[in-house]
Amino acid sequence: MNDDTFQHSIRKLLKNVGVNTQQEIEQAVREALADGRLTGNERLPARVTVEVDGLELDLEFKGDITLE
């Protein structure tokens, strides 16, 4: 195994997930604000799950997204 290649591929995956997830969350919040489902002062519990095929790895991270 090439450690540099391995670490680079993990960072690339996580960067892609982070950027795209942030964009999707921002868009969903804007739409929810526009149609009245959110008022703009909520705290939204969030959960992120990471699974890796071929490994018995199933990670879950929890946190809050605060709008104000």
PDB file of N, CA and C in Angstrom:
ATOM      1  N   MET A   1       0.850  -1.178   0.000  1.00  0.00           N
ATOM      2  CA  MET A   1       0.000   0.000   0.000  1.00  0.00           C
ATOM      3  C   MET A   1       0.894   1.238   0.000  1.00  0.00           C
ATOM      4  N   ASN A   2       0.514   2.204  -0.795  1.00  0.00           N
ATOM      5  CA  ASN A   2       1.224   3.472  -0.840  1.00  0.00           C
ATOM      6  C   ASN A   2       0.493   4.445   0.091  1.00  0.00           C
ATOM      7  N   ASP A   3       1.123   4.779   1.220  1.00  0.00           N
ATOM      8  CA  ASP A   3       0.477   5.643   2.213  1.00  0.00           C
ATOM      9  C   ASP A   3       0.096   7.007   1.649  1.00  0.00           C
ATOM     10  N   ASP A   4       0.943   7.594   0.815  1.00  0.00           N
ATOM     11  CA  ASP A   4       0.629   8.909   0.255  1.00  0.00           C
ATOM     12  C   ASP A   4      -0.608   8.841  -0.635  1.00  0.00           C
ATOM     13  N   THR A   5      -0.686   7.836  -1.495  1.00  0.00           N
ATOM     14  CA  THR A   5      -1.849   7.670  -2.363  1.00  0.00           C
ATOM     15  C   THR A   5      -3.102   7.421  -1.539  1.00  0.00           C
ATOM     16  N   PHE A   6      -2.983   6.569  -0.548  1.00  0.00           N
ATOM     17  CA  PHE A   6      -4.098   6.231   0.333  1.00  0.00           C
ATOM     18  C   PHE A   6      -4.628   7.465   1.050  1.00  0.00           C
ATOM     19  N   GLN A   7      -3.751   8.221   1.693  1.00  0.00           N
ATOM     20  CA  GLN A   7      -4.159   9.419   2.430  1.00  0.00           C
ATOM     21  C   GLN A   7      -4.722  10.481   1.494  1.00  0.00           C
ATOM     22  N   HIS A   8      -4.128  10.627   0.325  1.00  0.00           N
ATOM     23  CA  HIS A   8      -4.621  11.608  -0.648  1.00  0.00           C
ATOM     24  C   HIS A   8      -6.050  11.249  -1.084  1.00  0.00           C
ATOM     25  N   SER A   9      -6.306   9.969  -1.324  1.00  0.00           N
ATOM     26  CA  SER A   9      -7.643   9.568  -1.769  1.00  0.00           C
ATOM     27  C   SER A   9      -8.683   9.799  -0.670  1.00  0.00           C
ATOM     28  N   ILE A  10      -8.313   9.586   0.581  1.00  0.00           N
ATOM     29  CA  ILE A  10      -9.237   9.854   1.690  1.00  0.00           C
ATOM     30  C   ILE A  10      -9.524  11.346   1.785  1.00  0.00           C
ATOM     31  N   ARG A  11      -8.480  12.172   1.727  1.00  0.00           N
ATOM     32  CA  ARG A  11      -8.681  13.630   1.799  1.00  0.00           C
ATOM     33  C   ARG A  11      -9.534  14.126   0.645  1.00  0.00           C
ATOM     34  N   LYS A  12      -9.314  13.583  -0.558  1.00  0.00           N
ATOM     35  CA  LYS A  12     -10.089  13.988  -1.731  1.00  0.00           C
ATOM     36  C   LYS A  12     -11.566  13.638  -1.547  1.00  0.00           C
ATOM     37  N   LEU A  13     -11.831  12.433  -1.053  1.00  0.00           N
ATOM     38  CA  LEU A  13     -13.217  12.026  -0.796  1.00  0.00           C
ATOM     39  C   LEU A  13     -13.867  12.928   0.241  1.00  0.00           C
ATOM     40  N   LEU A  14     -13.182  13.162   1.359  1.00  0.00           N
ATOM     41  CA  LEU A  14     -13.762  13.983   2.426  1.00  0.00           C
ATOM     42  C   LEU A  14     -13.961  15.426   2.002  1.00  0.00           C
ATOM     43  N   LYS A  15     -13.069  15.964   1.196  1.00  0.00           N
ATOM     44  CA  LYS A  15     -13.239  17.328   0.690  1.00  0.00           C
ATOM     45  C   LYS A  15     -14.464  17.395  -0.204  1.00  0.00           C
ATOM     46  N   ASN A  16     -14.611  16.424  -1.097  1.00  0.00           N
ATOM     47  CA  ASN A  16     -15.768  16.377  -1.988  1.00  0.00           C
ATOM     48  C   ASN A  16     -17.061  16.271  -1.192  1.00  0.00           C
ATOM     49  N   VAL A  17     -17.084  15.391  -0.197  1.00  0.00           N
ATOM     50  CA  VAL A  17     -18.264  15.236   0.651  1.00  0.00           C
ATOM     51  C   VAL A  17     -18.561  16.539   1.391  1.00  0.00           C
ATOM     52  N   GLY A  18     -17.530  17.152   1.968  1.00  0.00           N
ATOM     53  CA  GLY A  18     -17.722  18.376   2.742  1.00  0.00           C
ATOM     54  C   GLY A  18     -18.261  19.524   1.913  1.00  0.00           C
ATOM     55  N   VAL A  19     -17.660  19.766   0.763  1.00  0.00           N
ATOM     56  CA  VAL A  19     -18.082  20.879  -0.091  1.00  0.00           C
ATOM     57  C   VAL A  19     -19.497  20.656  -0.603  1.00  0.00           C
ATOM     58  N   ASN A  20     -19.767  19.474  -1.134  1.00  0.00           N
ATOM     59  CA  ASN A  20     -21.090  19.205  -1.699  1.00  0.00           C
ATOM     60  C   ASN A  20     -22.176  19.159  -0.637  1.00  0.00           C
ATOM     61  N   THR A  21     -21.863  18.611   0.517  1.00  0.00           N
ATOM     62  CA  THR A  21     -22.843  18.566   1.598  1.00  0.00           C
ATOM     63  C   THR A  21     -23.186  19.967   2.075  1.00  0.00           C
ATOM     64  N   GLN A  22     -22.174  20.814   2.228  1.00  0.00           N
ATOM     65  CA  GLN A  22     -22.431  22.192   2.653  1.00  0.00           C
ATOM     66  C   GLN A  22     -23.329  22.908   1.656  1.00  0.00           C
ATOM     67  N   GLN A  23     -23.050  22.747   0.372  1.00  0.00           N
ATOM     68  CA  GLN A  23     -23.870  23.411  -0.650  1.00  0.00           C
ATOM     69  C   GLN A  23     -25.310  22.918  -0.597  1.00  0.00           C
ATOM     70  N   GLU A  24     -25.499  21.625  -0.446  1.00  0.00           N
ATOM     71  CA  GLU A  24     -26.853  21.067  -0.403  1.00  0.00           C
ATOM     72  C   GLU A  24     -27.616  21.531   0.840  1.00  0.00           C
ATOM     73  N   ILE A  25     -26.935  21.580   1.980  1.00  0.00           N
ATOM     74  CA  ILE A  25     -27.583  22.045   3.210  1.00  0.00           C
ATOM     75  C   ILE A  25     -27.962  23.516   3.075  1.00  0.00           C
ATOM     76  N   GLU A  26     -27.048  24.337   2.555  1.00  0.00           N
ATOM     77  CA  GLU A  26     -27.344  25.760   2.372  1.00  0.00           C
ATOM     78  C   GLU A  26     -28.551  25.958   1.466  1.00  0.00           C
ATOM     79  N   GLN A  27     -28.611  25.215   0.368  1.00  0.00           N
ATOM     80  CA  GLN A  27     -29.737  25.333  -0.556  1.00  0.00           C
ATOM     81  C   GLN A  27     -31.039  24.893   0.108  1.00  0.00           C
ATOM     82  N   ALA A  28     -31.005  23.789   0.841  1.00  0.00           N
ATOM     83  CA  ALA A  28     -32.211  23.288   1.505  1.00  0.00           C
ATOM     84  C   ALA A  28     -32.706  24.269   2.563  1.00  0.00           C
ATOM     85  N   VAL A  29     -31.786  24.890   3.298  1.00  0.00           N
ATOM     86  CA  VAL A  29     -32.180  25.872   4.313  1.00  0.00           C
ATOM     87  C   VAL A  29     -32.799  27.090   3.648  1.00  0.00           C
ATOM     88  N   ARG A  30     -32.181  27.580   2.584  1.00  0.00           N
ATOM     89  CA  ARG A  30     -32.754  28.746   1.878  1.00  0.00           C
ATOM     90  C   ARG A  30     -34.156  28.456   1.367  1.00  0.00           C
ATOM     91  N   GLU A  31     -34.352  27.268   0.806  1.00  0.00           N
ATOM     92  CA  GLU A  31     -35.683  26.896   0.303  1.00  0.00           C
ATOM     93  C   GLU A  31     -36.689  26.786   1.453  1.00  0.00           C
ATOM     94  N   ALA A  32     -36.265  26.206   2.568  1.00  0.00           N
ATOM     95  CA  ALA A  32     -37.164  26.068   3.719  1.00  0.00           C
ATOM     96  C   ALA A  32     -37.515  27.430   4.311  1.00  0.00           C
ATOM     97  N   LEU A  33     -36.568  28.351   4.302  1.00  0.00           N
ATOM     98  CA  LEU A  33     -36.847  29.710   4.764  1.00  0.00           C
ATOM     99  C   LEU A  33     -37.823  30.402   3.818  1.00  0.00           C
ATOM    100  N   ALA A  34     -37.615  30.233   2.524  1.00  0.00           N
ATOM    101  CA  ALA A  34     -38.458  30.894   1.526  1.00  0.00           C
ATOM    102  C   ALA A  34     -39.900  30.411   1.569  1.00  0.00           C
ATOM    103  N   ASP A  35     -40.101  29.123   1.828  1.00  0.00           N
ATOM    104  CA  ASP A  35     -41.486  28.631   1.832  1.00  0.00           C
ATOM    105  C   ASP A  35     -42.086  28.522   3.236  1.00  0.00           C
ATOM    106  N   GLY A  36     -41.379  29.059   4.238  1.00  0.00           N
ATOM    107  CA  GLY A  36     -41.944  29.168   5.568  1.00  0.00           C
ATOM    108  C   GLY A  36     -41.798  27.957   6.468  1.00  0.00           C
ATOM    109  N   ARG A  37     -41.088  26.927   6.031  1.00  0.00           N
ATOM    110  CA  ARG A  37     -40.892  25.762   6.898  1.00  0.00           C
ATOM    111  C   ARG A  37     -39.916  26.055   8.024  1.00  0.00           C
ATOM    112  N   LEU A  38     -39.049  27.046   7.824  1.00  0.00           N
ATOM    113  CA  LEU A  38     -38.125  27.511   8.858  1.00  0.00           C
ATOM    114  C   LEU A  38     -38.323  29.004   9.059  1.00  0.00           C
ATOM    115  N   THR A  39     -38.035  29.473  10.278  1.00  0.00           N
ATOM    116  CA  THR A  39     -38.178  30.898  10.551  1.00  0.00           C
ATOM    117  C   THR A  39     -36.830  31.619  10.575  1.00  0.00           C
ATOM    118  N   GLY A  40     -35.743  30.863  10.721  1.00  0.00           N
ATOM    119  CA  GLY A  40     -34.424  31.476  10.693  1.00  0.00           C
ATOM    120  C   GLY A  40     -33.694  31.488  12.022  1.00  0.00           C
ATOM    121  N   ASN A  41     -34.340  30.976  13.066  1.00  0.00           N
ATOM    122  CA  ASN A  41     -33.669  30.945  14.365  1.00  0.00           C
ATOM    123  C   ASN A  41     -33.569  29.528  14.938  1.00  0.00           C
ATOM    124  N   GLU A  42     -33.752  28.533  14.069  1.00  0.00           N
ATOM    125  CA  GLU A  42     -33.742  27.143  14.510  1.00  0.00           C
ATOM    126  C   GLU A  42     -32.327  26.614  14.788  1.00  0.00           C
ATOM    127  N   ARG A  43     -32.341  25.547  15.543  1.00  0.00           N
ATOM    128  CA  ARG A  43     -31.163  24.703  15.736  1.00  0.00           C
ATOM    129  C   ARG A  43     -31.574  23.345  15.177  1.00  0.00           C
ATOM    130  N   LEU A  44     -30.887  22.916  14.140  1.00  0.00           N
ATOM    131  CA  LEU A  44     -31.285  21.701  13.439  1.00  0.00           C
ATOM    132  C   LEU A  44     -30.315  20.558  13.765  1.00  0.00           C
ATOM    133  N   PRO A  45     -30.778  19.531  14.471  1.00  0.00           N
ATOM    134  CA  PRO A  45     -29.919  18.380  14.722  1.00  0.00           C
ATOM    135  C   PRO A  45     -29.571  17.710  13.384  1.00  0.00           C
ATOM    136  N   ALA A  46     -28.312  17.341  13.222  1.00  0.00           N
ATOM    137  CA  ALA A  46     -27.862  16.715  11.981  1.00  0.00           C
ATOM    138  C   ALA A  46     -27.055  15.462  12.303  1.00  0.00           C
ATOM    139  N   ARG A  47     -27.047  14.563  11.340  1.00  0.00           N
ATOM    140  CA  ARG A  47     -26.314  13.307  11.494  1.00  0.00           C
ATOM    141  C   ARG A  47     -25.634  12.987  10.168  1.00  0.00           C
ATOM    142  N   VAL A  48     -24.386  12.589  10.241  1.00  0.00           N
ATOM    143  CA  VAL A  48     -23.621  12.199   9.059  1.00  0.00           C
ATOM    144  C   VAL A  48     -23.149  10.767   9.277  1.00  0.00           C
ATOM    145  N   THR A  49     -23.379   9.925   8.287  1.00  0.00           N
ATOM    146  CA  THR A  49     -22.962   8.536   8.366  1.00  0.00           C
ATOM    147  C   THR A  49     -21.923   8.265   7.285  1.00  0.00           C
ATOM    148  N   VAL A  50     -20.863   7.562   7.661  1.00  0.00           N
ATOM    149  CA  VAL A  50     -19.819   7.170   6.720  1.00  0.00           C
ATOM    150  C   VAL A  50     -19.708   5.656   6.740  1.00  0.00           C
ATOM    151  N   GLU A  51     -19.851   5.050   5.574  1.00  0.00           N
ATOM    152  CA  GLU A  51     -19.685   3.615   5.431  1.00  0.00           C
ATOM    153  C   GLU A  51     -18.633   3.366   4.367  1.00  0.00           C
ATOM    154  N   VAL A  52     -17.833   2.355   4.568  1.00  0.00           N
ATOM    155  CA  VAL A  52     -16.824   1.990   3.590  1.00  0.00           C
ATOM    156  C   VAL A  52     -17.047   0.538   3.196  1.00  0.00           C
ATOM    157  N   ASP A  53     -17.425   0.326   1.937  1.00  0.00           N
ATOM    158  CA  ASP A  53     -17.613  -1.035   1.448  1.00  0.00           C
ATOM    159  C   ASP A  53     -16.302  -1.806   1.562  1.00  0.00           C
ATOM    160  N   GLY A  54     -16.391  -3.051   1.909  1.00  0.00           N
ATOM    161  CA  GLY A  54     -15.214  -3.890   2.034  1.00  0.00           C
ATOM    162  C   GLY A  54     -14.600  -3.859   3.425  1.00  0.00           C
ATOM    163  N   LEU A  55     -15.062  -2.935   4.248  1.00  0.00           N
ATOM    164  CA  LEU A  55     -14.603  -2.838   5.626  1.00  0.00           C
ATOM    165  C   LEU A  55     -15.825  -2.888   6.530  1.00  0.00           C
ATOM    166  N   GLU A  56     -15.657  -3.368   7.707  1.00  0.00           N
ATOM    167  CA  GLU A  56     -16.744  -3.315   8.678  1.00  0.00           C
ATOM    168  C   GLU A  56     -16.652  -1.976   9.392  1.00  0.00           C
ATOM    169  N   LEU A  57     -16.907  -0.919   8.620  1.00  0.00           N
ATOM    170  CA  LEU A  57     -16.780   0.438   9.136  1.00  0.00           C
ATOM    171  C   LEU A  57     -18.069   1.186   8.883  1.00  0.00           C
ATOM    172  N   ASP A  58     -18.684   1.615   9.939  1.00  0.00           N
ATOM    173  CA  ASP A  58     -19.933   2.378   9.871  1.00  0.00           C
ATOM    174  C   ASP A  58     -19.849   3.434  10.965  1.00  0.00           C
ATOM    175  N   LEU A  59     -19.510   4.646  10.572  1.00  0.00           N
ATOM    176  CA  LEU A  59     -19.317   5.742  11.521  1.00  0.00           C
ATOM    177  C   LEU A  59     -20.502   6.691  11.479  1.00  0.00           C
ATOM    178  N   GLU A  60     -20.859   7.231  12.627  1.00  0.00           N
ATOM    179  CA  GLU A  60     -21.925   8.230  12.672  1.00  0.00           C
ATOM    180  C   GLU A  60     -21.439   9.411  13.506  1.00  0.00           C
ATOM    181  N   PHE A  61     -21.654  10.590  12.963  1.00  0.00           N
ATOM    182  CA  PHE A  61     -21.292  11.830  13.636  1.00  0.00           C
ATOM    183  C   PHE A  61     -22.554  12.650  13.789  1.00  0.00           C
ATOM    184  N   LYS A  62     -22.731  13.247  14.958  1.00  0.00           N
ATOM    185  CA  LYS A  62     -23.908  14.066  15.227  1.00  0.00           C
ATOM    186  C   LYS A  62     -23.488  15.459  15.631  1.00  0.00           C
ATOM    187  N   GLY A  63     -24.300  16.422  15.273  1.00  0.00           N
ATOM    188  CA  GLY A  63     -24.062  17.797  15.649  1.00  0.00           C
ATOM    189  C   GLY A  63     -25.279  18.633  15.307  1.00  0.00           C
ATOM    190  N   ASP A  64     -25.183  19.903  15.554  1.00  0.00           N
ATOM    191  CA  ASP A  64     -26.300  20.809  15.272  1.00  0.00           C
ATOM    192  C   ASP A  64     -25.891  21.836  14.245  1.00  0.00           C
ATOM    193  N   ILE A  65     -26.845  22.210  13.421  1.00  0.00           N
ATOM    194  CA  ILE A  65     -26.695  23.325  12.499  1.00  0.00           C
ATOM    195  C   ILE A  65     -27.558  24.443  13.069  1.00  0.00           C
ATOM    196  N   THR A  66     -26.934  25.541  13.439  1.00  0.00           N
ATOM    197  CA  THR A  66     -27.672  26.656  14.032  1.00  0.00           C
ATOM    198  C   THR A  66     -27.814  27.764  12.993  1.00  0.00           C
ATOM    199  N   LEU A  67     -29.002  28.327  12.926  1.00  0.00           N
ATOM    200  CA  LEU A  67     -29.276  29.365  11.940  1.00  0.00           C
ATOM    201  C   LEU A  67     -29.099  30.768  12.494  1.00  0.00           C
ATOM    202  N   GLU A  68     -29.055  30.897  13.802  1.00  0.00           N
ATOM    203  CA  GLU A  68     -28.867  32.228  14.395  1.00  0.00           C
ATOM    204  C   GLU A  68     -28.037  32.129  15.639  1.00  0.00           C
TER     205      GLU A  68
END
